[in-house]
Amino acid sequence: MKSLKVEIKNKCKSLGIPILGFAPVERWEKPPNVLPNRLFPWIPEEFWPGSIYPEANTVIVIGLPVALPIVETAPSIYYMELYKTVNSMLDSKACEIANFLNEKGHSSLYLPRDGYGDIKILIEKPFAFFSHKHAAFLAGLGSFGHNNILLTPEFGPRVRFTSIFTSAHIEADPITGKDICIHCLQCVKNCPVGAIPKNGEFPPPVDKKLCAIRSMQLRDEYRSPCGICIKVCPVGKDRELFGRKNISIYSKDKSFDKYHKAWDHVRKYGSKG
């Protein structure tokens, strides 16, 4: 299946997909010893690919970045529109990849990038039927951060993922075993609702209910999602691209006033914030 993997990579390149990984379904059943983080408890069986699509042999994970300077305006209508656009693009591209594989005789289907009907659902039942961040983790695309979001070397936590299940047996991507979280606790310090615990196991159990309640409030103001913990994370080569390597940019340091004024301007318009 090496030639098929090359074809899929070329297809993703033509679709403008910069993040791509392959994981055999066995990694859900028998977690590799080289995983960069130990997860307790492990992913329940009902969330394994084979429990959702029994024909699945390989999970293909794709990711699209969210631009850091837009995330920095969060919560705002600007970030909300970016979030919606990237989600739509992920669904479209994943569907196209699944169709591409079906045409080649490999039964495949794409999964929606979220998998829940509305944020209010997550307040009482804070899980979708499949976790793309765990799929990306098992495809060797990164490690978990203290905010329980997957960090990638290229974009830190500023990536949205979705997955494609296929019956094709495709060579798995390696897992480096490297924990790229630097444990700076910027996400903990800046979380507006205190949903990320400072101490305890890693990655820590984030209070999903608090996150969902805040997201629902922001949605009603037309400026969701929150985005604070992913904008302050120092991990990611995108920081160099956008000239944001100095995390003090998010402090009250007056030398960064021009940035704060820009973000404040965006937040003043187009939403109730």
C-alpha atoms as a PDB file:
ATOM      1  CA  MET A   1       0.000   0.000   0.000  1.00  0.00           C
ATOM      2  CA  LYS A   2       3.020   2.318  -0.213  1.00  0.00           C
ATOM      3  CA  SER A   3       1.883   3.622  -3.586  1.00  0.00           C
ATOM      4  CA  LEU A   4      -1.587   4.380  -2.171  1.00  0.00           C
ATOM      5  CA  LYS A   5      -0.040   6.324   0.695  1.00  0.00           C
ATOM      6  CA  VAL A   6       1.945   8.393  -1.790  1.00  0.00           C
ATOM      7  CA  GLU A   7      -1.237   9.044  -3.780  1.00  0.00           C
ATOM      8  CA  ILE A   8      -3.063  10.190  -0.652  1.00  0.00           C
ATOM      9  CA  LYS A   9      -0.175  12.490   0.276  1.00  0.00           C
ATOM     10  CA  ASN A  10      -0.222  13.986  -3.208  1.00  0.00           C
ATOM     11  CA  LYS A  11      -3.990  14.400  -3.022  1.00  0.00           C
ATOM     12  CA  CYS A  12      -3.692  16.206   0.306  1.00  0.00           C
ATOM     13  CA  LYS A  13      -0.951  18.421  -1.085  1.00  0.00           C
ATOM     14  CA  SER A  14      -3.207  19.395  -3.975  1.00  0.00           C
ATOM     15  CA  LEU A  15      -5.955  20.201  -1.455  1.00  0.00           C
ATOM     16  CA  GLY A  16      -3.644  22.464   0.550  1.00  0.00           C
ATOM     17  CA  ILE A  17      -3.544  20.238   3.627  1.00  0.00           C
ATOM     18  CA  PRO A  18      -0.308  20.821   5.597  1.00  0.00           C
ATOM     19  CA  ILE A  19      -0.918  18.334   8.426  1.00  0.00           C
ATOM     20  CA  LEU A  20      -1.424  14.644   7.613  1.00  0.00           C
ATOM     21  CA  GLY A  21      -0.996  11.427   9.573  1.00  0.00           C
ATOM     22  CA  PHE A  22      -1.830   7.727   9.332  1.00  0.00           C
ATOM     23  CA  ALA A  23      -2.684   5.433  12.237  1.00  0.00           C
ATOM     24  CA  PRO A  24      -3.714   1.751  12.163  1.00  0.00           C
ATOM     25  CA  VAL A  25      -6.828   1.001  14.206  1.00  0.00           C
ATOM     26  CA  GLU A  26      -4.757  -1.348  16.375  1.00  0.00           C
ATOM     27  CA  ARG A  27      -3.200   1.684  18.073  1.00  0.00           C
ATOM     28  CA  TRP A  28      -6.524   2.284  19.835  1.00  0.00           C
ATOM     29  CA  GLU A  29      -6.612  -1.322  21.044  1.00  0.00           C
ATOM     30  CA  LYS A  30      -2.911  -1.654  21.960  1.00  0.00           C
ATOM     31  CA  PRO A  31      -1.413   1.790  22.646  1.00  0.00           C
ATOM     32  CA  PRO A  32       2.235   2.042  21.490  1.00  0.00           C
ATOM     33  CA  ASN A  33       4.846   2.208  24.242  1.00  0.00           C
ATOM     34  CA  VAL A  34       6.446   5.233  22.555  1.00  0.00           C
ATOM     35  CA  LEU A  35       3.484   7.583  23.028  1.00  0.00           C
ATOM     36  CA  PRO A  36       4.699  10.964  24.368  1.00  0.00           C
ATOM     37  CA  ASN A  37       1.974  11.118  27.041  1.00  0.00           C
ATOM     38  CA  ARG A  38       0.351   8.495  29.231  1.00  0.00           C
ATOM     39  CA  LEU A  39      -3.429   8.834  29.260  1.00  0.00           C
ATOM     40  CA  PHE A  40      -5.508   7.640  32.211  1.00  0.00           C
ATOM     41  CA  PRO A  41      -8.051   6.334  31.641  1.00  0.00           C
ATOM     42  CA  TRP A  42      -7.383   5.112  28.119  1.00  0.00           C
ATOM     43  CA  ILE A  43      -9.846   5.801  25.297  1.00  0.00           C
ATOM     44  CA  PRO A  44     -13.004   3.706  25.995  1.00  0.00           C
ATOM     45  CA  GLU A  45     -13.696   0.986  23.437  1.00  0.00           C
ATOM     46  CA  GLU A  46     -16.931   2.584  22.238  1.00  0.00           C
ATOM     47  CA  PHE A  47     -14.830   5.475  20.871  1.00  0.00           C
ATOM     48  CA  TRP A  48     -12.443   3.232  18.912  1.00  0.00           C
ATOM     49  CA  PRO A  49     -12.633   3.427  15.090  1.00  0.00           C
ATOM     50  CA  GLY A  50     -13.715  -0.212  14.829  1.00  0.00           C
ATOM     51  CA  SER A  51     -16.668   0.463  17.120  1.00  0.00           C
ATOM     52  CA  ILE A  52     -17.885   3.185  14.765  1.00  0.00           C
ATOM     53  CA  TYR A  53     -16.953   1.684  11.386  1.00  0.00           C
ATOM     54  CA  PRO A  54     -16.076  -2.024  11.777  1.00  0.00           C
ATOM     55  CA  GLU A  55     -14.498  -2.133   8.311  1.00  0.00           C
ATOM     56  CA  ALA A  56     -11.895   0.474   9.270  1.00  0.00           C
ATOM     57  CA  ASN A  57      -8.246  -0.590   9.151  1.00  0.00           C
ATOM     58  CA  THR A  58      -6.572   2.812   8.969  1.00  0.00           C
ATOM     59  CA  VAL A  59      -7.449   6.265  10.266  1.00  0.00           C
ATOM     60  CA  ILE A  60      -6.207   9.173   8.156  1.00  0.00           C
ATOM     61  CA  VAL A  61      -5.989  12.429  10.105  1.00  0.00           C
ATOM     62  CA  ILE A  62      -5.843  15.816   8.401  1.00  0.00           C
ATOM     63  CA  GLY A  63      -5.283  19.203   9.995  1.00  0.00           C
ATOM     64  CA  LEU A  64      -5.657  22.829   8.990  1.00  0.00           C
ATOM     65  CA  PRO A  65      -4.101  25.710  10.944  1.00  0.00           C
ATOM     66  CA  VAL A  66      -5.909  28.693  12.392  1.00  0.00           C
ATOM     67  CA  ALA A  67      -3.911  31.880  11.843  1.00  0.00           C
ATOM     68  CA  LEU A  68      -2.351  33.148  15.072  1.00  0.00           C
ATOM     69  CA  PRO A  69      -2.983  36.900  14.519  1.00  0.00           C
ATOM     70  CA  ILE A  70      -6.697  36.159  14.096  1.00  0.00           C
ATOM     71  CA  VAL A  71      -6.800  33.903  17.151  1.00  0.00           C
ATOM     72  CA  GLU A  72      -5.207  36.761  19.115  1.00  0.00           C
ATOM     73  CA  THR A  73      -8.390  38.803  18.675  1.00  0.00           C
ATOM     74  CA  ALA A  74     -10.399  36.100  20.485  1.00  0.00           C
ATOM     75  CA  PRO A  75     -13.060  36.150  21.651  1.00  0.00           C
ATOM     76  CA  SER A  76     -14.251  37.996  18.557  1.00  0.00           C
ATOM     77  CA  ILE A  77     -16.409  37.721  15.454  1.00  0.00           C
ATOM     78  CA  TYR A  78     -13.166  37.542  13.463  1.00  0.00           C
ATOM     79  CA  TYR A  79     -12.032  34.348  15.179  1.00  0.00           C
ATOM     80  CA  MET A  80     -15.562  32.962  15.059  1.00  0.00           C
ATOM     81  CA  GLU A  81     -15.640  33.351  11.275  1.00  0.00           C
ATOM     82  CA  LEU A  82     -12.187  31.797  10.912  1.00  0.00           C
ATOM     83  CA  TYR A  83     -13.257  28.851  13.064  1.00  0.00           C
ATOM     84  CA  LYS A  84     -16.369  28.284  10.941  1.00  0.00           C
ATOM     85  CA  THR A  85     -14.408  28.581   7.700  1.00  0.00           C
ATOM     86  CA  VAL A  86     -11.714  26.105   8.751  1.00  0.00           C
ATOM     87  CA  ASN A  87     -14.357  23.656   9.984  1.00  0.00           C
ATOM     88  CA  SER A  88     -16.178  23.847   6.667  1.00  0.00           C
ATOM     89  CA  MET A  89     -12.947  23.350   4.750  1.00  0.00           C
ATOM     90  CA  LEU A  90     -12.033  20.319   6.859  1.00  0.00           C
ATOM     91  CA  ASP A  91     -15.391  18.659   6.221  1.00  0.00           C
ATOM     92  CA  SER A  92     -15.148  19.338   2.493  1.00  0.00           C
ATOM     93  CA  LYS A  93     -11.562  18.114   2.136  1.00  0.00           C
ATOM     94  CA  ALA A  94     -12.129  15.006   4.273  1.00  0.00           C
ATOM     95  CA  CYS A  95     -15.200  14.114   2.212  1.00  0.00           C
ATOM     96  CA  GLU A  96     -13.196  14.544  -0.977  1.00  0.00           C
ATOM     97  CA  ILE A  97     -10.418  12.272   0.310  1.00  0.00           C
ATOM     98  CA  ALA A  98     -12.947   9.596   1.294  1.00  0.00           C
ATOM     99  CA  ASN A  99     -14.531   9.767  -2.165  1.00  0.00           C
ATOM    100  CA  PHE A 100     -11.063   9.560  -3.727  1.00  0.00           C
ATOM    101  CA  LEU A 101     -10.402   6.325  -1.832  1.00  0.00           C
ATOM    102  CA  ASN A 102     -13.843   4.895  -2.602  1.00  0.00           C
ATOM    103  CA  GLU A 103     -13.216   5.410  -6.303  1.00  0.00           C
ATOM    104  CA  LYS A 104     -10.046   3.348  -5.915  1.00  0.00           C
ATOM    105  CA  GLY A 105     -11.992   0.481  -4.346  1.00  0.00           C
ATOM    106  CA  HIS A 106     -11.172   1.138  -0.684  1.00  0.00           C
ATOM    107  CA  SER A 107     -14.366   1.646   1.300  1.00  0.00           C
ATOM    108  CA  SER A 108     -13.926   4.894   3.213  1.00  0.00           C
ATOM    109  CA  LEU A 109     -15.913   7.562   5.014  1.00  0.00           C
ATOM    110  CA  TYR A 110     -15.129  10.917   6.543  1.00  0.00           C
ATOM    111  CA  LEU A 111     -16.092  12.091  10.017  1.00  0.00           C
ATOM    112  CA  PRO A 112     -17.377  15.576  10.852  1.00  0.00           C
ATOM    113  CA  ARG A 113     -14.755  17.753  12.509  1.00  0.00           C
ATOM    114  CA  ASP A 114     -16.907  18.214  15.665  1.00  0.00           C
ATOM    115  CA  GLY A 115     -19.647  15.605  15.900  1.00  0.00           C
ATOM    116  CA  TYR A 116     -22.107  17.433  18.143  1.00  0.00           C
ATOM    117  CA  GLY A 117     -25.204  19.434  17.297  1.00  0.00           C
ATOM    118  CA  ASP A 118     -24.756  22.456  19.534  1.00  0.00           C
ATOM    119  CA  ILE A 119     -22.417  23.616  22.274  1.00  0.00           C
ATOM    120  CA  LYS A 120     -25.215  23.344  24.858  1.00  0.00           C
ATOM    121  CA  ILE A 121     -25.186  19.559  24.351  1.00  0.00           C
ATOM    122  CA  LEU A 122     -21.598  19.470  25.656  1.00  0.00           C
ATOM    123  CA  ILE A 123     -22.606  21.004  28.991  1.00  0.00           C
ATOM    124  CA  GLU A 124     -24.292  17.773  30.095  1.00  0.00           C
ATOM    125  CA  LYS A 125     -22.516  15.306  27.803  1.00  0.00           C
ATOM    126  CA  PRO A 126     -19.032  16.738  27.044  1.00  0.00           C
ATOM    127  CA  PHE A 127     -17.937  14.236  24.400  1.00  0.00           C
ATOM    128  CA  ALA A 128     -18.373  13.756  20.666  1.00  0.00           C
ATOM    129  CA  PHE A 129     -18.659  10.231  19.262  1.00  0.00           C
ATOM    130  CA  PHE A 130     -15.021  10.282  18.099  1.00  0.00           C
ATOM    131  CA  SER A 131     -11.969  12.248  19.202  1.00  0.00           C
ATOM    132  CA  HIS A 132      -9.878  13.727  16.387  1.00  0.00           C
ATOM    133  CA  LYS A 133      -7.230  15.038  18.790  1.00  0.00           C
ATOM    134  CA  HIS A 134      -6.639  11.494  20.050  1.00  0.00           C
ATOM    135  CA  ALA A 135      -6.537  10.264  16.463  1.00  0.00           C
ATOM    136  CA  ALA A 136      -3.913  12.912  15.665  1.00  0.00           C
ATOM    137  CA  PHE A 137      -2.007  11.844  18.784  1.00  0.00           C
ATOM    138  CA  LEU A 138      -2.005   8.205  17.651  1.00  0.00           C
ATOM    139  CA  ALA A 139      -1.007   9.247  14.131  1.00  0.00           C
ATOM    140  CA  GLY A 140       2.182  10.791  15.505  1.00  0.00           C
ATOM    141  CA  LEU A 141       1.226  14.398  14.790  1.00  0.00           C
ATOM    142  CA  GLY A 142       2.037  15.804  18.221  1.00  0.00           C
ATOM    143  CA  SER A 143       1.630  15.585  21.979  1.00  0.00           C
ATOM    144  CA  PHE A 144      -0.855  16.908  24.501  1.00  0.00           C
ATOM    145  CA  GLY A 145      -0.431  20.289  26.117  1.00  0.00           C
ATOM    146  CA  HIS A 146      -1.339  21.244  29.662  1.00  0.00           C
ATOM    147  CA  ASN A 147      -4.635  22.567  28.252  1.00  0.00           C
ATOM    148  CA  ASN A 148      -5.427  19.008  27.051  1.00  0.00           C
ATOM    149  CA  ILE A 149      -5.289  20.136  23.416  1.00  0.00           C
ATOM    150  CA  LEU A 150      -2.975  18.461  20.924  1.00  0.00           C
ATOM    151  CA  LEU A 151       0.165  20.476  20.211  1.00  0.00           C
ATOM    152  CA  THR A 152       1.923  20.235  16.867  1.00  0.00           C
ATOM    153  CA  PRO A 153       5.502  21.360  16.166  1.00  0.00           C
ATOM    154  CA  GLU A 154       4.296  23.501  13.263  1.00  0.00           C
ATOM    155  CA  PHE A 155       1.331  25.349  14.785  1.00  0.00           C
ATOM    156  CA  GLY A 156       1.247  24.461  18.481  1.00  0.00           C
ATOM    157  CA  PRO A 157      -2.416  24.003  19.466  1.00  0.00           C
ATOM    158  CA  ARG A 158      -3.634  26.221  16.617  1.00  0.00           C
ATOM    159  CA  VAL A 159      -4.789  23.345  14.395  1.00  0.00           C
ATOM    160  CA  ARG A 160      -8.228  21.907  13.691  1.00  0.00           C
ATOM    161  CA  PHE A 161      -8.380  18.180  12.871  1.00  0.00           C
ATOM    162  CA  THR A 162     -10.723  15.692  11.307  1.00  0.00           C
ATOM    163  CA  SER A 163     -10.430  12.053  10.281  1.00  0.00           C
ATOM    164  CA  ILE A 164     -11.155   9.598   7.499  1.00  0.00           C
ATOM    165  CA  PHE A 165     -11.793   5.904   8.182  1.00  0.00           C
ATOM    166  CA  THR A 166     -10.701   3.547   5.421  1.00  0.00           C
ATOM    167  CA  SER A 167     -10.645  -0.208   4.897  1.00  0.00           C
ATOM    168  CA  ALA A 168      -7.258   0.142   3.201  1.00  0.00           C
ATOM    169  CA  HIS A 169      -4.220  -1.088   5.106  1.00  0.00           C
ATOM    170  CA  ILE A 170      -1.843   1.868   4.922  1.00  0.00           C
ATOM    171  CA  GLU A 171       1.615   2.068   6.416  1.00  0.00           C
ATOM    172  CA  ALA A 172       1.464   3.811   9.785  1.00  0.00           C
ATOM    173  CA  ASP A 173       3.366   6.995  10.538  1.00  0.00           C
ATOM    174  CA  PRO A 174       5.952   6.803  13.306  1.00  0.00           C
ATOM    175  CA  ILE A 175       5.446   8.257  16.775  1.00  0.00           C
ATOM    176  CA  THR A 176       8.463  10.202  18.031  1.00  0.00           C
ATOM    177  CA  GLY A 177       7.559   9.992  21.686  1.00  0.00           C
ATOM    178  CA  LYS A 178       8.538  13.629  22.213  1.00  0.00           C
ATOM    179  CA  ASP A 179       6.500  15.751  24.627  1.00  0.00           C
ATOM    180  CA  ILE A 180       6.552  19.216  23.061  1.00  0.00           C
ATOM    181  CA  CYS A 181       4.622  20.963  25.843  1.00  0.00           C
ATOM    182  CA  ILE A 182       7.088  23.154  27.767  1.00  0.00           C
ATOM    183  CA  HIS A 183       4.826  23.230  30.857  1.00  0.00           C
ATOM    184  CA  CYS A 184       4.928  27.013  31.120  1.00  0.00           C
ATOM    185  CA  LEU A 185       1.341  27.066  32.486  1.00  0.00           C
ATOM    186  CA  GLN A 186       0.390  30.075  30.370  1.00  0.00           C
ATOM    187  CA  CYS A 187      -2.872  28.302  29.552  1.00  0.00           C
ATOM    188  CA  VAL A 188      -3.602  27.840  33.259  1.00  0.00           C
ATOM    189  CA  LYS A 189      -2.812  31.467  34.120  1.00  0.00           C
ATOM    190  CA  ASN A 190      -4.897  32.900  31.287  1.00  0.00           C
ATOM    191  CA  CYS A 191      -7.985  30.666  31.299  1.00  0.00           C
ATOM    192  CA  PRO A 192     -10.863  33.104  31.987  1.00  0.00           C
ATOM    193  CA  VAL A 193     -12.946  30.512  33.858  1.00  0.00           C
ATOM    194  CA  GLY A 194     -10.198  28.584  35.657  1.00  0.00           C
ATOM    195  CA  ALA A 195     -11.037  25.349  33.868  1.00  0.00           C
ATOM    196  CA  ILE A 196      -7.435  24.070  33.638  1.00  0.00           C
ATOM    197  CA  PRO A 197      -5.962  22.653  36.864  1.00  0.00           C
ATOM    198  CA  LYS A 198      -2.384  23.596  37.679  1.00  0.00           C
ATOM    199  CA  ASN A 199      -1.359  20.435  39.501  1.00  0.00           C
ATOM    200  CA  GLY A 200      -2.055  16.732  39.272  1.00  0.00           C
ATOM    201  CA  GLU A 201      -1.789  14.266  36.435  1.00  0.00           C
ATOM    202  CA  PHE A 202      -0.684  15.306  32.957  1.00  0.00           C
ATOM    203  CA  PRO A 203      -2.436  16.074  30.725  1.00  0.00           C
ATOM    204  CA  PRO A 204      -4.814  17.354  33.399  1.00  0.00           C
ATOM    205  CA  PRO A 205      -8.581  16.762  33.310  1.00  0.00           C
ATOM    206  CA  VAL A 206      -9.885  20.079  32.057  1.00  0.00           C
ATOM    207  CA  ASP A 207     -13.323  21.075  33.342  1.00  0.00           C
ATOM    208  CA  LYS A 208     -15.196  20.583  30.080  1.00  0.00           C
ATOM    209  CA  LYS A 209     -18.459  21.836  31.565  1.00  0.00           C
ATOM    210  CA  LEU A 210     -16.953  25.217  32.459  1.00  0.00           C
ATOM    211  CA  CYS A 211     -15.490  25.466  28.942  1.00  0.00           C
ATOM    212  CA  ALA A 212     -18.818  24.583  27.351  1.00  0.00           C
ATOM    213  CA  ILE A 213     -20.755  27.094  29.460  1.00  0.00           C
ATOM    214  CA  ARG A 214     -18.337  29.877  28.480  1.00  0.00           C
ATOM    215  CA  SER A 215     -18.496  28.837  24.825  1.00  0.00           C
ATOM    216  CA  MET A 216     -22.296  28.903  24.919  1.00  0.00           C
ATOM    217  CA  GLN A 217     -22.257  32.413  26.392  1.00  0.00           C
ATOM    218  CA  LEU A 218     -19.786  33.582  23.749  1.00  0.00           C
ATOM    219  CA  ARG A 219     -21.847  31.945  21.008  1.00  0.00           C
ATOM    220  CA  ASP A 220     -24.873  33.951  22.067  1.00  0.00           C
ATOM    221  CA  GLU A 221     -22.684  37.055  21.763  1.00  0.00           C
ATOM    222  CA  TYR A 222     -21.471  35.978  18.276  1.00  0.00           C
ATOM    223  CA  ARG A 223     -17.853  35.693  19.353  1.00  0.00           C
ATOM    224  CA  SER A 224     -17.188  32.048  20.087  1.00  0.00           C
ATOM    225  CA  PRO A 225     -15.116  29.948  20.591  1.00  0.00           C
ATOM    226  CA  CYS A 226     -13.008  31.217  23.484  1.00  0.00           C
ATOM    227  CA  GLY A 227      -9.513  30.555  22.084  1.00  0.00           C
ATOM    228  CA  ILE A 228      -7.530  32.065  24.978  1.00  0.00           C
ATOM    229  CA  CYS A 229      -5.503  28.975  25.901  1.00  0.00           C
ATOM    230  CA  ILE A 230      -4.441  28.326  22.324  1.00  0.00           C
ATOM    231  CA  LYS A 231      -3.411  31.912  21.570  1.00  0.00           C
ATOM    232  CA  VAL A 232      -1.096  32.198  24.601  1.00  0.00           C
ATOM    233  CA  CYS A 233       0.621  28.829  24.037  1.00  0.00           C
ATOM    234  CA  PRO A 234       4.277  29.510  23.083  1.00  0.00           C
ATOM    235  CA  VAL A 235       4.680  26.254  21.135  1.00  0.00           C
ATOM    236  CA  GLY A 236       4.667  26.327  17.326  1.00  0.00           C
ATOM    237  CA  LYS A 237       6.791  27.526  14.418  1.00  0.00           C
ATOM    238  CA  ASP A 238       3.915  29.797  13.386  1.00  0.00           C
ATOM    239  CA  ARG A 239       5.044  32.200  16.123  1.00  0.00           C
ATOM    240  CA  GLU A 240       8.219  32.870  14.207  1.00  0.00           C
ATOM    241  CA  LEU A 241       6.321  33.376  10.952  1.00  0.00           C
ATOM    242  CA  PHE A 242       4.046  35.994  12.507  1.00  0.00           C
ATOM    243  CA  GLY A 243       6.698  37.581  14.741  1.00  0.00           C
ATOM    244  CA  ARG A 244       5.042  36.434  17.964  1.00  0.00           C
ATOM    245  CA  LYS A 245       7.867  34.600  19.729  1.00  0.00           C
ATOM    246  CA  ASN A 246       7.726  36.978  22.702  1.00  0.00           C
ATOM    247  CA  ILE A 247       4.810  35.817  24.858  1.00  0.00           C
ATOM    248  CA  SER A 248       4.930  39.148  26.727  1.00  0.00           C
ATOM    249  CA  ILE A 249       2.830  40.454  23.854  1.00  0.00           C
ATOM    250  CA  TYR A 250      -0.212  39.230  25.831  1.00  0.00           C
ATOM    251  CA  SER A 251       0.791  41.087  29.002  1.00  0.00           C
ATOM    252  CA  LYS A 252       0.097  44.721  29.844  1.00  0.00           C
ATOM    253  CA  ASP A 253       3.560  45.731  28.616  1.00  0.00           C
ATOM    254  CA  LYS A 254       3.049  49.133  26.948  1.00  0.00           C
ATOM    255  CA  SER A 255       5.596  48.334  24.239  1.00  0.00           C
ATOM    256  CA  PHE A 256       2.918  46.079  22.719  1.00  0.00           C
ATOM    257  CA  ASP A 257       0.143  48.708  22.769  1.00  0.00           C
ATOM    258  CA  LYS A 258      -0.234  48.704  18.980  1.00  0.00           C
ATOM    259  CA  TYR A 259      -1.246  45.051  19.080  1.00  0.00           C
ATOM    260  CA  HIS A 260      -3.654  45.476  21.974  1.00  0.00           C
ATOM    261  CA  LYS A 261      -5.300  48.427  20.236  1.00  0.00           C
ATOM    262  CA  ALA A 262      -5.747  46.340  17.082  1.00  0.00           C
ATOM    263  CA  TRP A 263      -7.343  43.473  19.014  1.00  0.00           C
ATOM    264  CA  ASP A 264      -9.588  45.841  20.959  1.00  0.00           C
ATOM    265  CA  HIS A 265     -10.759  47.424  17.706  1.00  0.00           C
ATOM    266  CA  VAL A 266     -11.799  44.058  16.269  1.00  0.00           C
ATOM    267  CA  ARG A 267     -13.630  43.091  19.475  1.00  0.00           C
ATOM    268  CA  LYS A 268     -15.663  46.304  19.502  1.00  0.00           C
ATOM    269  CA  TYR A 269     -17.552  45.514  16.288  1.00  0.00           C
ATOM    270  CA  GLY A 270     -19.743  42.800  14.809  1.00  0.00           C
ATOM    271  CA  SER A 271     -20.666  41.103  18.081  1.00  0.00           C
ATOM    272  CA  LYS A 272     -22.180  41.801  21.477  1.00  0.00           C
ATOM    273  CA  GLY A 273     -18.807  41.635  23.207  1.00  0.00           C
END
